Protein backbone atom coordinates (compact mmCIF):
# COMPACT_ATOMS: atom_id res chain seq x y z
CA MET A 1 -61.22 19.64 55.72
CA ARG A 2 -59.71 18.78 52.35
CA CYS A 3 -60.72 22.02 50.95
CA ASN A 4 -59.11 24.05 53.76
CA VAL A 5 -55.75 22.27 53.12
CA TYR A 6 -56.01 22.93 49.48
CA GLU A 7 -56.93 26.67 49.94
CA ARG A 8 -53.97 27.12 52.14
CA GLY A 9 -51.68 25.46 49.62
CA LEU A 10 -52.94 27.82 46.98
CA ARG A 11 -52.18 30.75 49.21
CA LEU A 12 -48.53 29.55 49.92
CA LEU A 13 -47.85 28.58 46.40
CA PRO A 14 -47.12 32.24 45.13
CA ILE A 15 -44.78 32.87 48.05
CA ALA A 16 -42.92 29.74 47.50
CA MET A 17 -42.38 30.62 43.69
CA MET A 18 -41.19 34.01 44.69
CA MET A 19 -38.61 32.70 47.08
CA ALA A 20 -37.37 30.09 44.53
CA GLY A 21 -37.02 32.81 42.04
CA ALA A 22 -35.09 35.14 44.38
CA LEU A 23 -32.73 32.26 44.94
CA LEU A 24 -32.19 31.60 41.37
CA CYS A 25 -31.65 35.17 40.49
CA ALA A 26 -29.41 35.76 43.35
CA GLY A 27 -26.75 33.72 41.65
CA CYS A 28 -27.05 34.92 38.05
CA GLU A 29 -26.75 38.82 38.20
CA ASP A 30 -24.92 39.75 35.16
CA GLY A 31 -23.12 36.41 35.02
CA ASP A 32 -20.49 36.27 32.12
CA ASP A 33 -22.19 38.20 29.48
CA GLY A 34 -20.78 41.44 30.74
CA VAL A 35 -23.43 43.45 29.42
CA GLU A 36 -24.09 45.49 32.87
CA ASP A 37 -20.38 45.61 33.17
CA PHE A 38 -19.73 47.55 29.90
CA PHE A 39 -22.39 50.18 30.87
CA ASP A 40 -21.80 50.48 34.57
CA ASP A 41 -21.96 54.11 35.62
CA THR A 42 -19.48 53.74 38.49
CA PRO A 43 -16.65 55.93 37.87
CA VAL A 44 -13.04 55.01 38.72
CA ASP A 45 -10.24 57.52 38.52
CA THR A 46 -7.44 56.64 36.04
CA ASP A 47 -4.79 58.99 35.29
CA GLY A 48 -6.75 62.02 36.14
CA ARG A 49 -9.90 61.01 34.32
CA SER A 50 -13.12 59.03 34.96
CA VAL A 51 -13.77 55.79 33.04
CA SER A 52 -16.59 53.27 33.52
CA THR A 53 -15.54 50.17 35.16
CA ASN A 54 -14.55 47.28 32.47
CA ASN A 55 -14.63 49.91 29.69
CA ILE A 56 -11.42 50.04 27.64
CA TYR A 57 -8.97 52.70 28.32
CA ILE A 58 -5.55 53.63 27.33
CA THR A 59 -2.39 54.77 29.28
CA PRO A 60 -0.87 57.25 29.21
CA LEU A 61 -3.50 59.64 27.89
CA SER A 62 -0.96 61.82 26.29
CA VAL A 63 2.94 62.11 25.56
CA THR A 64 5.16 64.59 23.96
CA LEU A 65 7.93 63.39 21.38
CA ASP A 66 10.22 66.20 20.44
CA THR A 67 12.54 64.38 17.93
CA ASP A 68 11.97 62.06 15.16
CA GLY A 69 12.44 58.54 16.00
CA LEU A 70 11.43 58.87 19.71
CA GLN A 71 9.03 56.25 20.79
CA ALA A 72 6.37 55.80 23.47
CA VAL A 73 4.59 52.64 24.86
CA PHE A 74 0.91 52.81 25.12
CA THR A 75 -0.98 50.04 27.11
CA ALA A 76 -4.64 49.15 26.73
CA HIS A 77 -6.75 48.04 29.87
CA GLU A 78 -10.08 46.69 30.75
CA GLY A 79 -12.58 45.93 27.84
CA ARG A 80 -12.64 42.65 25.87
CA GLY A 81 -9.67 41.70 23.76
CA PRO A 82 -8.40 41.43 21.35
CA TYR A 83 -7.70 45.10 20.70
CA THR A 84 -6.89 46.71 17.58
CA TRP A 85 -4.63 49.76 17.29
CA SER A 86 -4.47 52.70 14.79
CA VAL A 87 -2.89 56.09 14.25
CA SER A 88 -4.82 59.14 12.94
CA ASP A 89 -1.95 60.08 10.53
CA PRO A 90 0.41 57.14 9.60
CA SER A 91 2.75 59.54 7.95
CA ARG A 92 3.61 61.22 11.03
CA GLY A 93 4.03 58.11 13.38
CA SER A 94 3.57 54.31 13.31
CA ILE A 95 2.27 51.64 15.84
CA HIS A 96 3.78 48.35 16.32
CA VAL A 97 1.65 45.98 18.39
CA ASP A 98 2.92 43.61 21.07
CA ALA A 99 0.60 40.75 22.09
CA TRP A 100 -2.38 43.26 21.29
CA SER A 101 -2.30 44.73 24.75
CA GLN A 102 0.60 47.09 24.05
CA GLY A 103 1.48 49.43 21.22
CA LEU A 104 4.96 50.85 20.60
CA TYR A 105 4.44 54.17 18.82
CA THR A 106 7.32 55.82 16.83
CA ARG A 107 7.40 59.35 15.65
CA LEU A 108 8.32 59.74 12.07
CA THR A 109 7.89 63.53 11.53
CA LYS A 110 6.58 66.89 13.21
CA GLY A 111 2.96 67.32 13.53
CA ASP A 112 0.33 66.16 16.40
CA ASN A 113 -1.00 62.80 16.17
CA SER A 114 -3.20 60.34 18.01
CA VAL A 115 -3.39 56.57 18.92
CA THR A 116 -6.73 54.76 18.93
CA VAL A 117 -7.45 51.53 20.42
CA ARG A 118 -10.64 49.59 20.11
CA ASP A 119 -11.81 46.29 21.95
CA SER A 120 -13.79 43.48 20.26
CA SER A 121 -17.13 44.93 21.61
CA GLY A 122 -16.45 48.22 19.74
CA HIS A 123 -15.54 50.36 22.74
CA TRP A 124 -12.58 52.63 22.10
CA ASP A 125 -10.19 55.23 23.60
CA VAL A 126 -7.70 57.72 22.33
CA ALA A 127 -4.36 59.00 23.42
CA LEU A 128 -2.86 62.40 22.18
CA VAL A 129 0.82 62.47 20.84
CA SER A 130 2.31 66.11 20.63
CA GLN A 131 5.07 66.27 18.07
CA PRO A 132 6.49 69.85 17.85
CA ASP A 133 8.87 70.90 15.18
CA GLY A 134 11.82 70.59 17.41
CA ALA A 135 13.63 73.64 16.09
CA VAL A 136 16.72 74.57 18.00
CA THR A 137 16.86 78.53 18.39
CA ASP A 138 20.45 78.54 19.78
CA ALA A 139 23.34 76.30 18.31
CA LEU A 140 24.97 73.82 20.64
CA VAL A 141 28.41 74.93 21.62
CA VAL A 142 31.08 73.69 23.75
CA SER A 143 33.63 76.12 25.51
CA PRO A 144 36.63 76.28 25.44
CA SER A 145 36.36 74.76 21.93
CA SER A 146 40.05 73.83 22.10
CA CYS A 147 42.65 73.86 24.83
CA THR A 148 46.14 72.46 25.46
CA LEU A 149 47.30 70.30 28.33
CA SER A 150 50.96 70.40 28.75
CA GLY A 151 53.41 69.71 31.78
CA SER A 152 51.67 69.14 35.04
CA THR A 153 48.21 70.48 33.51
CA ASN A 154 46.10 67.28 33.10
CA ALA A 155 42.51 68.66 33.28
CA VAL A 156 40.08 71.21 31.95
CA VAL A 157 36.60 72.14 32.60
CA LEU A 158 34.21 72.17 29.73
CA THR A 159 30.85 73.82 29.49
CA ALA A 160 27.90 73.46 27.16
CA ALA A 161 25.50 76.02 26.03
CA GLY A 162 22.53 76.19 23.51
CA GLY A 163 20.86 73.38 21.94
CA ALA A 164 18.44 71.35 23.83
CA PRO A 165 19.46 70.30 27.42
CA PRO A 166 19.97 68.06 28.89
CA TYR A 167 23.46 67.31 27.57
CA ALA A 168 25.61 64.16 27.63
CA TRP A 169 29.49 63.85 27.29
CA SER A 170 31.91 61.34 25.69
CA VAL A 171 35.51 61.19 24.51
CA GLU A 172 36.59 60.04 21.08
CA TYR A 173 40.04 58.20 22.34
CA ASN A 174 41.02 56.38 25.75
CA THR A 175 43.83 58.93 26.19
CA GLY A 176 41.29 60.95 28.37
CA ARG A 177 38.04 60.75 30.25
CA VAL A 178 35.27 62.95 31.36
CA SER A 179 33.40 63.26 34.68
CA PRO A 180 30.44 63.61 35.08
CA ASP A 181 29.16 62.29 31.67
CA ALA A 182 25.85 64.38 31.90
CA GLY A 183 25.22 67.98 32.74
CA GLU A 184 25.95 71.42 31.68
CA ASN A 185 29.66 71.14 32.85
CA THR A 186 32.17 68.23 32.79
CA VAL A 187 35.91 67.93 33.62
CA TYR A 188 38.19 66.45 31.10
CA THR A 189 41.14 64.55 32.48
CA ARG A 190 43.89 63.07 30.18
CA THR A 191 45.02 59.56 31.32
CA ASP A 192 48.51 59.29 32.90
CA TYR A 193 49.57 62.34 31.23
CA SER A 194 49.06 60.96 27.78
CA GLY A 195 50.17 62.76 24.72
CA GLY A 196 48.25 63.11 21.35
CA ASP A 197 45.07 64.98 20.58
CA ASN A 198 41.77 64.05 21.82
CA ILE A 199 38.23 65.02 21.09
CA VAL A 200 35.42 65.50 23.72
CA TRP A 201 31.86 65.31 22.31
CA CYS A 202 28.68 66.82 23.72
CA ARG A 203 25.18 65.82 22.63
CA ASP A 204 22.02 67.29 23.54
CA SER A 205 18.51 65.82 23.84
CA LYS A 206 17.64 66.17 20.07
CA GLY A 207 20.84 64.55 18.83
CA ASN A 208 22.81 67.77 18.10
CA LYS A 209 26.54 67.46 18.53
CA ALA A 210 29.35 69.83 19.35
CA TYR A 211 32.89 68.97 20.44
CA ALA A 212 36.24 70.46 21.89
CA VAL A 213 39.69 69.48 20.69
CA ILE A 214 42.14 68.91 23.51
CA HIS A 215 45.79 69.14 22.55
CA GLN A 216 48.05 67.07 24.87
CA GLU A 217 51.81 67.46 25.09
């Protein structure tokens, strides 16, 4: 009788050990070590590309900066911080890091560049920066380049051409105003039939300037 109980116990022992092991493992899959996460094969769509869940990636994936001094903000996601940032050609652009998750890139001169971000586990991603030479084929001009407002005439239509649209308008003195202050055309109106000359400035997207002289009698 004792042998029968002992034998039944031996048969049940492996089953009990297997159940206990299953319960222990059920709560410890991956845990906090993140090994499986970094090499997870489940794709997620991010800005038109596929990345692995929890792998570091950068947004935006590419930008175009047409003029020296223009800037773009890049943001790092996922991975394991802290991140480190770099540019492929420091003579063409610089990167300023804010709280290690964002980098402010500044164009210094023409020529394509790239921004690389790496996490503390060695994973990395790259964003491309297109930096064309920004040459302007046609000079920016404002027409008419000068006009005279006299008597009851207190407004004139000005038109911008050439350069690199879009255009922005402004006045030198408060004896007149422009509306709208952006676009191909604007209307200059003198203030309360003010006298004295004024200047209307037009600026294009590359920083080029042109102007019209307004004579006010």
